[in-house]
Protein backbone atom coordinates (compact mmCIF):
# COMPACT_ATOMS: atom_id res chain seq x y z
CA UNK A 1 0.00 0.00 0.00
CA UNK A 2 1.12 3.55 -0.54
CA UNK A 3 -0.17 4.79 2.86
CA UNK A 4 1.90 5.35 5.93
CA UNK A 5 1.36 3.00 8.87
CA UNK A 6 -1.39 4.04 11.26
CA UNK A 7 -3.32 6.06 8.66
CA UNK A 8 -6.49 4.21 9.67
CA UNK A 9 -6.27 5.82 13.13
CA UNK A 10 -6.38 9.29 11.59
CA UNK A 11 -9.32 8.43 9.36
CA UNK A 12 -11.53 8.13 12.45
CA UNK A 13 -11.44 11.88 13.08
CA UNK A 14 -13.61 13.75 10.61
CA UNK A 15 -13.05 17.44 10.26
CA UNK A 16 -16.31 19.25 9.68
CA UNK A 17 -16.51 22.33 7.55
CA UNK A 18 -17.85 25.57 9.07
CA UNK A 19 -20.99 25.08 6.98
CA UNK A 20 -21.53 21.60 8.43
CA UNK A 21 -21.15 22.96 11.96
CA UNK A 22 -23.66 25.75 11.30
CA UNK A 23 -26.14 23.31 9.78
CA UNK A 24 -25.76 21.02 12.79
CA UNK A 25 -26.36 23.94 15.19
CA UNK A 26 -29.46 25.00 13.24
CA UNK A 27 -30.79 21.43 13.25
CA UNK A 28 -30.20 21.11 17.00
CA UNK A 29 -31.93 24.45 17.66
CA UNK A 30 -34.89 23.44 15.49
CA UNK A 31 -35.19 20.12 17.31
CA UNK A 32 -35.10 21.87 20.69
CA UNK A 33 -37.81 24.30 19.59
CA UNK A 34 -39.93 21.43 18.29
CA UNK A 35 -39.65 19.65 21.64
CA UNK A 36 -40.66 22.84 23.47
CA UNK A 37 -43.71 23.19 21.22
CA UNK A 38 -44.58 19.53 21.72
CA UNK A 39 -44.34 19.86 25.50
CA UNK A 40 -46.64 22.88 25.36
CA UNK A 41 -49.13 21.14 23.06
CA UNK A 42 -49.27 17.98 25.20
CA UNK A 43 -50.56 20.09 28.12
CA UNK A 44 -53.75 20.57 26.08
CA UNK A 45 -54.44 16.83 25.89
CA UNK A 46 -56.51 15.00 28.45
CA UNK A 47 -54.44 13.12 31.03
CA UNK A 48 -55.64 9.85 29.48
CA UNK A 49 -54.58 10.88 25.97
CA UNK A 50 -51.21 12.14 27.23
CA UNK A 51 -50.58 8.92 29.15
CA UNK A 52 -51.48 6.71 26.18
CA UNK A 53 -49.47 8.84 23.75
CA UNK A 54 -46.46 8.58 26.08
CA UNK A 55 -46.88 4.82 26.36
CA UNK A 56 -47.12 4.45 22.59
CA UNK A 57 -44.18 6.62 21.52
CA UNK A 58 -41.86 7.09 24.51
CA UNK A 59 -42.24 3.59 25.91
CA UNK A 60 -42.77 2.07 22.42
CA UNK A 61 -45.71 -0.04 23.57
CA UNK A 62 -48.10 -1.66 21.13
CA UNK A 63 -51.76 -0.76 21.31
CA UNK A 64 -52.60 -4.18 22.74
CA UNK A 65 -50.06 -3.61 25.54
CA UNK A 66 -51.57 -0.22 26.37
CA UNK A 67 -55.01 -1.83 26.30
CA UNK A 68 -53.94 -4.62 28.65
CA UNK A 69 -52.36 -2.12 31.07
CA UNK A 70 -55.51 0.00 31.20
CA UNK A 71 -58.21 -2.66 30.89
CA UNK A 72 -59.53 -1.35 27.57
CA UNK A 73 -59.76 -2.73 24.06
CA UNK A 74 -56.94 -2.37 21.57
CA UNK A 75 -59.16 -0.34 19.27
CA UNK A 76 -59.98 2.04 22.14
CA UNK A 77 -56.26 2.54 22.80
CA UNK A 78 -55.66 3.14 19.09
CA UNK A 79 -58.55 5.61 18.85
CA UNK A 80 -57.30 7.50 21.89
CA UNK A 81 -53.76 7.86 20.52
CA UNK A 82 -55.07 8.79 17.07
CA UNK A 83 -57.30 11.43 18.62
CA UNK A 84 -54.35 12.79 20.58
CA UNK A 85 -52.25 13.04 17.42
CA UNK A 86 -55.04 14.86 15.58
CA UNK A 87 -55.42 17.28 18.48
CA UNK A 88 -51.66 17.92 18.54
CA UNK A 89 -51.73 18.57 14.80
CA UNK A 90 -54.51 21.14 15.24
CA UNK A 91 -52.60 22.84 18.07
CA UNK A 92 -49.44 23.01 15.96
CA UNK A 93 -51.40 24.44 13.01
CA UNK A 94 -53.24 26.97 15.18
CA UNK A 95 -49.97 28.25 16.64
CA UNK A 96 -48.11 28.29 13.31
CA UNK A 97 -45.64 25.64 14.46
CA UNK A 98 -45.99 23.39 11.42
CA UNK A 99 -42.99 23.35 9.12
CA UNK A 100 -43.73 24.61 5.63
CA UNK A 101 -43.14 22.20 2.81
CA UNK A 102 -40.41 22.92 0.29
CA UNK A 103 -43.08 23.80 -2.29
CA UNK A 104 -44.70 26.37 0.01
CA UNK A 105 -41.32 27.91 0.80
CA UNK A 106 -40.46 28.23 -2.89
CA UNK A 107 -43.65 30.11 -3.72
CA UNK A 108 -43.44 32.33 -0.65
CA UNK A 109 -46.50 31.19 1.27
C-alpha atoms as a PDB file:
ATOM      1  CA  UNK A   1       0.000   0.000   0.000  1.00  0.00           C
ATOM      2  CA  UNK A   2       1.120   3.552  -0.545  1.00  0.00           C
ATOM      3  CA  UNK A   3      -0.170   4.787   2.856  1.00  0.00           C
ATOM      4  CA  UNK A   4       1.898   5.351   5.925  1.00  0.00           C
ATOM      5  CA  UNK A   5       1.361   2.999   8.874  1.00  0.00           C
ATOM      6  CA  UNK A   6      -1.388   4.039  11.264  1.00  0.00           C
ATOM      7  CA  UNK A   7      -3.324   6.058   8.663  1.00  0.00           C
ATOM      8  CA  UNK A   8      -6.491   4.212   9.672  1.00  0.00           C
ATOM      9  CA  UNK A   9      -6.269   5.818  13.127  1.00  0.00           C
ATOM     10  CA  UNK A  10      -6.381   9.293  11.591  1.00  0.00           C
ATOM     11  CA  UNK A  11      -9.320   8.432   9.362  1.00  0.00           C
ATOM     12  CA  UNK A  12     -11.527   8.132  12.447  1.00  0.00           C
ATOM     13  CA  UNK A  13     -11.444  11.877  13.076  1.00  0.00           C
ATOM     14  CA  UNK A  14     -13.606  13.750  10.615  1.00  0.00           C
ATOM     15  CA  UNK A  15     -13.050  17.443  10.256  1.00  0.00           C
ATOM     16  CA  UNK A  16     -16.311  19.248   9.676  1.00  0.00           C
ATOM     17  CA  UNK A  17     -16.513  22.333   7.552  1.00  0.00           C
ATOM     18  CA  UNK A  18     -17.855  25.567   9.069  1.00  0.00           C
ATOM     19  CA  UNK A  19     -20.987  25.078   6.976  1.00  0.00           C
ATOM     20  CA  UNK A  20     -21.525  21.597   8.427  1.00  0.00           C
ATOM     21  CA  UNK A  21     -21.148  22.960  11.955  1.00  0.00           C
ATOM     22  CA  UNK A  22     -23.656  25.751  11.304  1.00  0.00           C
ATOM     23  CA  UNK A  23     -26.138  23.312   9.776  1.00  0.00           C
ATOM     24  CA  UNK A  24     -25.761  21.023  12.791  1.00  0.00           C
ATOM     25  CA  UNK A  25     -26.361  23.939  15.187  1.00  0.00           C
ATOM     26  CA  UNK A  26     -29.458  25.000  13.237  1.00  0.00           C
ATOM     27  CA  UNK A  27     -30.785  21.431  13.252  1.00  0.00           C
ATOM     28  CA  UNK A  28     -30.204  21.110  17.001  1.00  0.00           C
ATOM     29  CA  UNK A  29     -31.929  24.451  17.662  1.00  0.00           C
ATOM     30  CA  UNK A  30     -34.885  23.437  15.490  1.00  0.00           C
ATOM     31  CA  UNK A  31     -35.192  20.118  17.309  1.00  0.00           C
ATOM     32  CA  UNK A  32     -35.096  21.868  20.693  1.00  0.00           C
ATOM     33  CA  UNK A  33     -37.811  24.296  19.591  1.00  0.00           C
ATOM     34  CA  UNK A  34     -39.934  21.428  18.294  1.00  0.00           C
ATOM     35  CA  UNK A  35     -39.651  19.648  21.645  1.00  0.00           C
ATOM     36  CA  UNK A  36     -40.656  22.842  23.470  1.00  0.00           C
ATOM     37  CA  UNK A  37     -43.705  23.187  21.221  1.00  0.00           C
ATOM     38  CA  UNK A  38     -44.583  19.527  21.718  1.00  0.00           C
ATOM     39  CA  UNK A  39     -44.338  19.859  25.505  1.00  0.00           C
ATOM     40  CA  UNK A  40     -46.645  22.882  25.365  1.00  0.00           C
ATOM     41  CA  UNK A  41     -49.128  21.135  23.061  1.00  0.00           C
ATOM     42  CA  UNK A  42     -49.270  17.981  25.204  1.00  0.00           C
ATOM     43  CA  UNK A  43     -50.558  20.086  28.121  1.00  0.00           C
ATOM     44  CA  UNK A  44     -53.754  20.570  26.081  1.00  0.00           C
ATOM     45  CA  UNK A  45     -54.439  16.826  25.891  1.00  0.00           C
ATOM     46  CA  UNK A  46     -56.515  15.002  28.449  1.00  0.00           C
ATOM     47  CA  UNK A  47     -54.444  13.115  31.033  1.00  0.00           C
ATOM     48  CA  UNK A  48     -55.636   9.854  29.484  1.00  0.00           C
ATOM     49  CA  UNK A  49     -54.580  10.878  25.967  1.00  0.00           C
ATOM     50  CA  UNK A  50     -51.210  12.144  27.225  1.00  0.00           C
ATOM     51  CA  UNK A  51     -50.578   8.920  29.147  1.00  0.00           C
ATOM     52  CA  UNK A  52     -51.476   6.710  26.184  1.00  0.00           C
ATOM     53  CA  UNK A  53     -49.466   8.835  23.753  1.00  0.00           C
ATOM     54  CA  UNK A  54     -46.460   8.584  26.083  1.00  0.00           C
ATOM     55  CA  UNK A  55     -46.884   4.820  26.364  1.00  0.00           C
ATOM     56  CA  UNK A  56     -47.118   4.447  22.588  1.00  0.00           C
ATOM     57  CA  UNK A  57     -44.178   6.622  21.524  1.00  0.00           C
ATOM     58  CA  UNK A  58     -41.863   7.091  24.509  1.00  0.00           C
ATOM     59  CA  UNK A  59     -42.242   3.586  25.912  1.00  0.00           C
ATOM     60  CA  UNK A  60     -42.774   2.072  22.425  1.00  0.00           C
ATOM     61  CA  UNK A  61     -45.713  -0.037  23.574  1.00  0.00           C
ATOM     62  CA  UNK A  62     -48.096  -1.665  21.128  1.00  0.00           C
ATOM     63  CA  UNK A  63     -51.760  -0.763  21.315  1.00  0.00           C
ATOM     64  CA  UNK A  64     -52.604  -4.176  22.735  1.00  0.00           C
ATOM     65  CA  UNK A  65     -50.064  -3.611  25.545  1.00  0.00           C
ATOM     66  CA  UNK A  66     -51.570  -0.223  26.369  1.00  0.00           C
ATOM     67  CA  UNK A  67     -55.006  -1.827  26.300  1.00  0.00           C
ATOM     68  CA  UNK A  68     -53.936  -4.617  28.649  1.00  0.00           C
ATOM     69  CA  UNK A  69     -52.360  -2.124  31.075  1.00  0.00           C
ATOM     70  CA  UNK A  70     -55.510  -0.004  31.197  1.00  0.00           C
ATOM     71  CA  UNK A  71     -58.207  -2.659  30.886  1.00  0.00           C
ATOM     72  CA  UNK A  72     -59.532  -1.352  27.574  1.00  0.00           C
ATOM     73  CA  UNK A  73     -59.763  -2.733  24.058  1.00  0.00           C
ATOM     74  CA  UNK A  74     -56.941  -2.367  21.567  1.00  0.00           C
ATOM     75  CA  UNK A  75     -59.160  -0.336  19.272  1.00  0.00           C
ATOM     76  CA  UNK A  76     -59.977   2.044  22.136  1.00  0.00           C
ATOM     77  CA  UNK A  77     -56.263   2.545  22.804  1.00  0.00           C
ATOM     78  CA  UNK A  78     -55.662   3.136  19.095  1.00  0.00           C
ATOM     79  CA  UNK A  79     -58.547   5.606  18.845  1.00  0.00           C
ATOM     80  CA  UNK A  80     -57.300   7.504  21.889  1.00  0.00           C
ATOM     81  CA  UNK A  81     -53.764   7.861  20.522  1.00  0.00           C
ATOM     82  CA  UNK A  82     -55.073   8.787  17.066  1.00  0.00           C
ATOM     83  CA  UNK A  83     -57.303  11.426  18.621  1.00  0.00           C
ATOM     84  CA  UNK A  84     -54.347  12.793  20.583  1.00  0.00           C
ATOM     85  CA  UNK A  85     -52.247  13.037  17.419  1.00  0.00           C
ATOM     86  CA  UNK A  86     -55.039  14.859  15.583  1.00  0.00           C
ATOM     87  CA  UNK A  87     -55.420  17.284  18.480  1.00  0.00           C
ATOM     88  CA  UNK A  88     -51.659  17.921  18.538  1.00  0.00           C
ATOM     89  CA  UNK A  89     -51.731  18.571  14.799  1.00  0.00           C
ATOM     90  CA  UNK A  90     -54.510  21.143  15.244  1.00  0.00           C
ATOM     91  CA  UNK A  91     -52.601  22.840  18.072  1.00  0.00           C
ATOM     92  CA  UNK A  92     -49.444  23.008  15.959  1.00  0.00           C
ATOM     93  CA  UNK A  93     -51.404  24.437  13.013  1.00  0.00           C
ATOM     94  CA  UNK A  94     -53.243  26.968  15.177  1.00  0.00           C
ATOM     95  CA  UNK A  95     -49.966  28.248  16.636  1.00  0.00           C
ATOM     96  CA  UNK A  96     -48.114  28.292  13.309  1.00  0.00           C
ATOM     97  CA  UNK A  97     -45.644  25.640  14.461  1.00  0.00           C
ATOM     98  CA  UNK A  98     -45.985  23.385  11.425  1.00  0.00           C
ATOM     99  CA  UNK A  99     -42.986  23.348   9.121  1.00  0.00           C
ATOM    100  CA  UNK A 100     -43.725  24.613   5.634  1.00  0.00           C
ATOM    101  CA  UNK A 101     -43.142  22.203   2.808  1.00  0.00           C
ATOM    102  CA  UNK A 102     -40.406  22.925   0.286  1.00  0.00           C
ATOM    103  CA  UNK A 103     -43.084  23.798  -2.291  1.00  0.00           C
ATOM    104  CA  UNK A 104     -44.704  26.365   0.014  1.00  0.00           C
ATOM    105  CA  UNK A 105     -41.317  27.906   0.799  1.00  0.00           C
ATOM    106  CA  UNK A 106     -40.464  28.230  -2.888  1.00  0.00           C
ATOM    107  CA  UNK A 107     -43.651  30.112  -3.716  1.00  0.00           C
ATOM    108  CA  UNK A 108     -43.437  32.333  -0.650  1.00  0.00           C
ATOM    109  CA  UNK A 109     -46.500  31.188   1.275  1.00  0.00           C
END
